[in-house]
Protein backbone atom coordinates (compact mmCIF):
# COMPACT_ATOMS: atom_id res chain seq x y z
CA MET A 1 -11.35 5.56 -18.97
CA SER A 2 -9.20 2.47 -18.42
CA ALA A 3 -7.13 2.05 -15.30
CA GLU A 4 -3.46 2.83 -15.57
CA LEU A 5 -0.34 3.26 -13.49
CA ARG A 6 1.36 6.61 -13.95
CA ALA A 7 5.08 6.63 -13.19
CA GLU A 8 7.10 9.82 -12.75
CA ARG A 9 10.63 10.48 -11.56
CA GLN A 10 10.97 13.28 -9.02
CA GLY A 11 14.63 13.64 -8.16
CA ASP A 12 15.85 10.27 -6.91
CA SER A 13 12.29 9.14 -6.09
CA LEU A 14 9.92 7.23 -8.36
CA VAL A 15 6.27 8.22 -7.92
CA LEU A 16 3.75 5.52 -8.85
CA ARG A 17 0.19 6.79 -9.11
CA LEU A 18 -2.82 4.48 -9.30
CA HIS A 19 -5.14 6.15 -11.79
CA HIS A 20 -8.77 5.14 -12.22
CA PRO A 21 -10.69 8.02 -10.60
CA GLU A 22 -14.21 6.78 -11.40
CA SER A 23 -13.62 3.67 -9.26
CA ARG A 24 -11.51 5.49 -6.65
CA ASN A 25 -8.49 3.71 -8.10
CA ALA A 26 -9.76 0.16 -7.70
CA LEU A 27 -7.25 -2.49 -8.73
CA SER A 28 -7.43 -4.61 -11.86
CA ALA A 29 -5.03 -7.41 -12.76
CA ALA A 30 -3.41 -5.15 -15.37
CA LEU A 31 -2.88 -2.36 -12.83
CA CYS A 32 -1.32 -4.76 -10.31
CA SER A 33 0.94 -6.21 -13.00
CA ALA A 34 2.04 -2.72 -14.04
CA ALA A 35 2.87 -1.88 -10.43
CA LEU A 36 4.86 -5.10 -10.09
CA GLU A 37 6.82 -4.28 -13.25
CA ALA A 38 7.54 -0.75 -12.01
CA LEU A 39 8.79 -2.07 -8.65
CA THR A 40 11.05 -4.54 -10.45
CA THR A 41 12.47 -1.71 -12.55
CA ALA A 42 13.05 0.42 -9.45
CA GLN A 43 14.83 -2.50 -7.80
CA ARG A 44 17.27 -2.69 -10.72
CA ASP A 45 17.84 1.07 -11.03
CA GLY A 46 20.70 2.03 -8.75
CA GLU A 47 19.73 5.72 -8.83
CA ILE A 48 16.25 5.35 -7.30
CA ARG A 49 16.40 5.78 -3.52
CA ALA A 50 12.67 5.62 -2.85
CA VAL A 51 9.36 4.68 -4.41
CA VAL A 52 6.27 6.69 -3.46
CA LEU A 53 2.92 4.97 -4.04
CA THR A 54 -0.18 7.15 -4.23
CA GLY A 55 -3.59 7.44 -5.91
CA SER A 56 -5.34 9.93 -8.19
CA GLU A 57 -8.08 12.43 -7.41
CA HIS A 58 -7.72 12.48 -3.63
CA HIS A 59 -8.24 8.75 -3.05
CA PHE A 60 -5.67 6.01 -2.58
CA CYS A 61 -7.42 2.76 -3.55
CA SER A 62 -10.93 1.42 -2.95
CA GLY A 63 -9.97 -2.27 -3.27
CA LEU A 64 -10.17 -4.87 -6.02
CA ASN A 65 -12.50 -4.48 -8.97
CA ASP A 66 -11.90 -7.95 -10.40
CA THR A 67 -11.29 -11.26 -8.62
CA SER A 68 -8.85 -12.23 -11.38
CA ALA A 69 -6.48 -9.60 -9.96
CA LEU A 70 -5.95 -11.49 -6.68
CA ASP A 71 -2.77 -13.34 -7.68
CA ALA A 72 -1.23 -10.24 -9.27
CA LEU A 73 -2.09 -8.23 -6.16
CA HIS A 74 -0.38 -10.76 -3.90
CA ASP A 75 2.74 -10.69 -6.10
CA CYS A 76 2.69 -6.90 -5.82
CA ILE A 77 2.40 -7.01 -2.01
CA LEU A 78 5.41 -9.34 -1.79
CA ALA A 79 7.36 -7.08 -4.17
CA LEU A 80 6.64 -4.06 -1.97
CA ARG A 81 8.07 -5.89 1.04
CA ASP A 82 11.14 -7.06 -0.93
CA CYS A 83 11.87 -3.79 -2.77
CA GLU A 84 15.37 -2.52 -1.99
CA PRO A 85 14.55 1.20 -2.33
CA LEU A 86 12.45 2.58 0.49
CA VAL A 87 8.72 2.43 -0.33
CA VAL A 88 6.45 5.17 1.02
CA ALA A 89 2.65 5.21 0.79
CA ALA A 90 1.04 8.64 0.33
CA VAL A 91 -2.61 8.11 1.23
CA GLU A 92 -5.59 10.41 0.87
CA GLY A 93 -9.27 9.51 1.08
CA GLN A 94 -10.13 5.85 0.91
CA ALA A 95 -7.75 2.91 1.45
CA ARG A 96 -9.98 -0.14 1.57
CA GLY A 97 -9.23 -3.86 1.39
CA ALA A 98 -6.53 -4.29 -1.24
CA GLY A 99 -5.79 -0.57 -0.93
CA ALA A 100 -5.18 -0.86 2.80
CA ALA A 101 -2.91 -3.84 2.12
CA LEU A 102 -0.83 -1.81 -0.35
CA ALA A 103 -0.43 1.01 2.17
CA LEU A 104 0.45 -1.26 5.10
CA ALA A 105 2.99 -3.20 3.02
CA CYS A 106 5.03 -0.03 2.48
CA ASP A 107 7.99 0.88 4.69
CA LEU A 108 6.64 4.31 5.65
CA LEU A 109 3.11 5.68 5.60
CA VAL A 110 2.10 9.30 5.07
CA ALA A 111 -1.63 10.04 5.28
CA ALA A 112 -3.89 13.05 4.96
CA ASP A 113 -6.14 13.60 7.94
CA ASN A 114 -9.16 12.68 5.78
CA ALA A 115 -7.78 9.21 4.99
CA GLN A 116 -9.81 6.21 6.12
CA PHE A 117 -8.47 2.65 6.32
CA GLN A 118 -10.80 -0.36 6.09
CA LEU A 119 -9.31 -3.87 6.09
CA ILE A 120 -12.21 -5.72 4.45
CA ASP A 121 -12.37 -5.69 0.66
CA PRO A 122 -15.98 -5.37 -0.54
CA LEU A 123 -15.35 -7.62 -3.54
CA LEU A 124 -14.15 -10.56 -1.39
CA PRO A 125 -15.32 -9.89 2.17
CA GLU A 126 -14.62 -13.48 3.28
CA SER A 127 -10.96 -13.31 2.26
CA ASP A 128 -8.03 -11.32 3.65
CA VAL A 129 -7.35 -9.63 0.32
CA GLY A 130 -3.72 -8.62 -0.05
CA GLY A 131 -3.08 -9.68 3.53
CA ALA A 132 -4.48 -6.39 4.86
CA GLN A 133 -5.62 -7.98 8.13
CA TRP A 134 -2.38 -9.94 8.53
CA LEU A 135 -0.25 -6.84 7.94
CA ALA A 136 -2.39 -4.79 10.33
CA ALA A 137 -2.03 -7.46 13.01
CA GLN A 138 1.76 -6.99 12.90
CA LEU A 139 1.37 -3.27 13.59
CA LEU A 140 -1.77 -2.72 15.67
CA PRO A 141 -3.25 -3.84 18.98
CA ARG A 142 -5.92 -6.50 18.51
CA PRO A 143 -8.91 -4.24 19.39
CA ALA A 144 -7.80 -1.69 16.80
CA CYS A 145 -7.44 -4.46 14.19
CA ASN A 146 -10.94 -5.66 14.96
CA GLU A 147 -12.33 -2.14 14.59
CA ALA A 148 -10.60 -1.68 11.23
CA ALA A 149 -12.11 -4.95 10.02
CA LEU A 150 -15.71 -4.29 11.08
CA PRO A 151 -18.14 -3.34 8.28
CA GLY A 152 -18.88 0.35 8.20
CA LEU A 153 -16.12 1.29 10.63
CA GLY A 154 -12.41 1.32 9.85
CA LEU A 155 -9.74 3.56 11.30
CA GLY A 156 -8.94 7.14 10.43
CA ALA A 157 -5.45 8.44 9.74
CA ALA A 158 -5.34 10.44 12.98
CA ARG A 159 -6.01 7.30 15.03
CA LEU A 160 -3.36 5.36 13.13
CA HIS A 161 -0.93 8.21 13.69
CA GLN A 162 -1.58 7.97 17.44
CA LEU A 163 -0.93 4.23 17.25
CA GLY A 164 2.38 4.75 15.45
CA VAL A 165 1.36 3.27 12.09
CA VAL A 166 1.16 6.55 10.17
CA ASN A 167 4.55 8.30 10.16
CA ARG A 168 3.36 11.72 9.02
CA LEU A 169 -0.12 13.24 9.17
CA CYS A 170 -0.88 16.07 6.76
CA ARG A 171 -3.66 18.16 5.26
CA PRO A 172 -5.78 16.81 2.39
CA THR A 173 -4.02 17.22 -0.99
CA ASP A 174 -0.60 17.35 0.73
CA ALA A 175 0.15 13.62 1.09
CA LEU A 176 2.40 13.24 -1.95
CA GLN A 177 4.39 16.38 -1.23
CA THR A 178 4.77 15.39 2.42
CA ALA A 179 6.00 11.93 1.40
CA LEU A 180 8.58 13.41 -0.97
CA GLN A 181 9.77 15.79 1.74
CA LEU A 182 10.11 12.86 4.13
CA VAL A 183 12.30 11.03 1.62
CA GLU A 184 14.41 14.13 1.00
CA ALA A 185 15.04 14.47 4.74
CA ILE A 186 16.65 11.02 4.87
CA PRO A 187 20.44 11.30 4.53
CA GLY A 188 21.80 9.90 1.27
CA GLY A 189 24.28 7.11 0.98
CA SER A 190 25.17 4.05 -1.00
CA GLY A 191 22.36 1.55 -1.23
CA GLY A 192 19.67 4.05 -0.25
CA PRO A 193 18.00 4.40 3.15
CA ARG A 194 18.47 1.48 5.50
CA LYS A 195 15.29 -0.44 6.22
CA VAL A 196 14.71 -1.45 9.80
CA LEU A 197 11.16 -2.78 9.49
CA PRO A 198 10.74 -6.56 9.52
CA ASN A 199 12.26 -7.90 6.30
CA ALA A 200 13.66 -11.09 7.85
CA PRO A 201 13.18 -14.31 5.85
CA SER A 202 10.80 -15.64 8.51
CA TYR A 203 8.54 -12.57 8.15
CA ALA A 204 8.57 -12.77 4.35
CA SER A 205 7.89 -16.51 4.47
CA ALA A 206 4.95 -16.08 6.86
CA LEU A 207 3.43 -13.39 4.65
CA HIS A 208 3.89 -15.54 1.55
CA VAL A 209 2.17 -18.51 3.21
CA HIS A 210 -0.71 -16.34 4.39
CA LEU A 211 -1.28 -14.82 0.95
CA ALA A 212 -1.18 -18.25 -0.68
CA SER A 213 -3.97 -19.38 1.66
CA GLN A 214 -6.33 -16.62 0.49
CA ILE A 215 -8.13 -18.50 -2.25
CA LEU A 216 -11.22 -17.44 -4.13
CA PRO A 217 -14.53 -18.67 -2.67
CA PRO A 218 -16.24 -21.42 -4.69
CA ARG A 219 -18.76 -20.30 -7.28
CA ASP A 220 -22.41 -21.17 -6.77
């Protein structure tokens, strides 16, 4: 089965679901490009107040499955940060490398208590794929960042909730519903929910520069 992005309107929210269960929703260039297109559409649609990003079959995203997807992934990360509607990650199971970057780039993060976040992408372990480590460093104490980047370790959702990175902790299978309930609890108004996370030009510029520096390693 080929990877695809499944988009569904639920009220004034747009749910984007990464769907490639056999790879735990690993990212291809086509999947990243589809996500970028969906975010652009949401940006232009005045009726969408929030975008909820999630994965299929109880996993969020296991990372990249193709090095050719790196540029498209980085465009997608920047689009998540720039998106006018609120963007909420609904994470269950694995969020590794590029998957962790997608989750950390969102404005709010809902995670099931079985979710595990690992900053290193197994396809490109020498590179900060998607800026996962950079994004984590803006949110976490240094020792916690180091733990999340060590092979075989990572950080669980409960720990990230204690550290203030995960906004809502829920039971497995409940992440999407919890994210939608969180959006519904936000008072409506023109222009959608107000973002207070760092969206200043200096922040966006620093992220852009960091992503541009993450080049592919030379081939043997």
